[in-house]
Protein backbone atom coordinates (compact mmCIF):
# COMPACT_ATOMS: atom_id res chain seq x y z
CA MET A 1 0.00 0.00 0.00
CA ASN A 2 1.36 3.39 -0.99
CA ALA A 3 0.43 5.62 1.96
CA ASP A 4 1.13 8.87 0.10
CA LEU A 5 -1.09 7.85 -2.81
CA VAL A 6 -3.89 6.78 -0.47
CA ALA A 7 -3.61 10.06 1.48
CA ARG A 8 -3.70 12.15 -1.71
CA LYS A 9 -6.73 10.23 -2.98
CA LEU A 10 -8.60 10.87 0.27
CA LEU A 11 -7.63 14.54 0.29
CA ILE A 12 -8.97 14.95 -3.23
CA GLU A 13 -12.20 13.15 -2.36
CA GLY A 14 -12.48 15.42 0.68
CA LEU A 15 -12.47 18.58 -1.42
CA ASP A 16 -16.23 18.55 -1.87
CA ASP A 17 -17.28 17.55 1.61
CA TRP A 18 -16.49 15.42 4.64
CA LEU A 19 -15.92 11.67 4.21
CA PRO A 20 -17.44 8.96 6.38
CA ILE A 21 -14.76 6.93 8.15
CA ASP A 22 -16.00 4.00 6.04
CA ARG A 23 -14.45 5.65 2.97
CA ILE A 24 -10.99 5.50 4.54
CA LEU A 25 -11.55 1.81 5.24
CA ASP A 26 -12.62 1.21 1.63
CA VAL A 27 -9.67 3.06 0.11
CA VAL A 28 -7.17 1.23 2.32
CA ARG A 29 -8.84 -2.10 1.55
CA ASP A 30 -8.71 -1.35 -2.20
CA GLY A 31 -5.05 -0.33 -1.94
CA ALA A 32 -3.97 -3.54 -0.25
CA PRO A 33 -6.70 -6.17 -0.65
CA GLU A 34 -4.47 -9.06 0.45
CA ALA A 35 -2.98 -7.30 3.48
CA GLU A 36 -3.24 -9.18 6.73
CA ASP A 37 -2.62 -6.02 8.73
CA PHE A 38 -5.68 -4.09 7.57
CA HIS A 39 -6.29 -2.43 10.95
CA GLU A 40 -2.66 -1.35 11.15
CA ASN A 41 -2.81 0.08 7.61
CA VAL A 42 -5.98 2.05 8.41
CA MET A 43 -4.47 3.47 11.58
CA SER A 44 -1.26 4.33 9.72
CA ILE A 45 -3.22 6.33 7.13
CA LEU A 46 -5.30 8.05 9.82
CA GLU A 47 -2.13 8.89 11.74
CA LYS A 48 -0.55 10.39 8.61
CA LEU A 49 -3.63 12.46 7.77
CA LEU A 50 -4.18 13.76 11.30
CA MET A 51 -0.59 14.20 12.50
CA GLU A 52 0.40 16.08 9.34
CA GLY A 53 -2.61 18.38 9.76
CA LEU A 54 -4.16 17.26 6.47
CA MET A 55 -7.51 16.09 7.80
CA GLN A 56 -9.44 16.14 11.05
CA ALA A 57 -11.88 13.75 12.68
CA GLY A 58 -15.31 14.81 13.87
CA ASP A 59 -19.03 14.29 13.84
CA LEU A 60 -21.94 15.70 11.90
CA GLY A 61 -23.92 18.19 13.93
CA GLU A 62 -26.44 20.94 13.37
CA ALA A 63 -23.81 23.12 11.69
CA GLY A 64 -22.48 20.30 9.50
CA PHE A 65 -19.04 18.85 10.16
CA GLU A 66 -17.87 19.55 13.71
CA ALA A 67 -14.24 18.67 14.40
CA TRP A 68 -13.42 16.85 17.61
CA ALA A 69 -11.64 18.91 20.24
CA GLY A 70 -8.12 17.87 21.12
CA THR A 71 -4.89 17.04 19.42
CA ALA A 72 -4.26 14.56 16.64
CA GLU A 73 -2.52 12.38 19.22
CA SER A 74 -5.66 12.26 21.35
CA MET A 75 -7.89 11.48 18.37
CA LEU A 76 -6.01 8.37 17.24
CA PRO A 77 -6.90 6.20 20.27
CA ARG A 78 -10.49 7.45 20.04
CA LEU A 79 -10.62 6.42 16.37
CA HIS A 80 -9.13 3.00 17.11
CA THR A 81 -11.53 2.36 19.99
CA GLY A 82 -14.52 3.45 17.92
CA LEU A 83 -13.54 1.28 14.97
CA ASP A 84 -13.07 -1.68 17.33
CA ARG A 85 -16.51 -1.02 18.81
CA PHE A 86 -18.04 -1.26 15.32
CA ASP A 87 -15.88 -4.27 14.42
CA TRP A 88 -14.18 -2.12 11.75
CA ALA A 89 -17.43 -1.85 9.76
CA PRO A 90 -19.27 1.24 11.09
CA PHE A 91 -21.53 1.74 8.04
CA GLY A 92 -21.75 5.46 8.70
CA GLY A 93 -22.41 5.02 12.39
CA PHE A 94 -19.17 6.32 13.85
CA CYS A 95 -17.48 9.50 12.65
CA CYS A 96 -16.34 11.52 9.66
CA ILE A 97 -13.05 12.88 8.38
CA ALA A 98 -12.68 16.26 6.69
CA ASN A 99 -9.86 18.16 5.06
CA THR A 100 -8.45 20.93 7.17
CA SER A 101 -9.12 24.31 5.59
CA GLN A 102 -5.43 24.86 4.87
CA ARG A 103 -5.15 21.58 2.99
CA LYS A 104 -8.02 22.07 0.56
CA SER A 105 -5.85 24.19 -1.73
CA SER A 106 -3.01 21.66 -1.78
CA ALA A 107 -5.49 18.88 -2.54
CA HIS A 108 -6.71 20.88 -5.55
CA MET A 109 -3.13 20.92 -6.85
CA SER A 110 -2.65 17.21 -6.11
CA ALA A 111 -5.72 16.33 -8.15
CA HIS A 112 -3.83 17.30 -11.28
CA THR A 113 -0.82 15.12 -10.44
CA LEU A 114 -2.63 11.86 -9.68
CA PRO A 115 -2.65 9.15 -12.33
CA ARG A 116 -6.05 8.88 -14.06
CA CYS A 117 -6.68 5.43 -12.62
CA VAL A 118 -6.69 6.94 -9.11
CA ARG A 119 -9.01 9.89 -9.76
């Protein structure tokens, strides 16, 4: 699994709106369908996206996407625990991920550099 390619794909998909956590699971699964360490791969991608300030985790509220309070470090255990609780198949029942406002512009630029098969 190419973590940079997966991250760029998710950033580009996140340009229009938030993504359900299920979408991250799907993209990781598609990127490494035979991987035995699926949970580790998902957490690695989430760590990259959150720790590098590319995306943030949150919930949908009255105002739309509402980012969770706290640091990226504090969100990762919360994400892992929540995914475990849903047996890694939340079907929209857990949380969402959204691009940070500063990363939307870089994702626009990345969209033009991705191979067509990834868009």
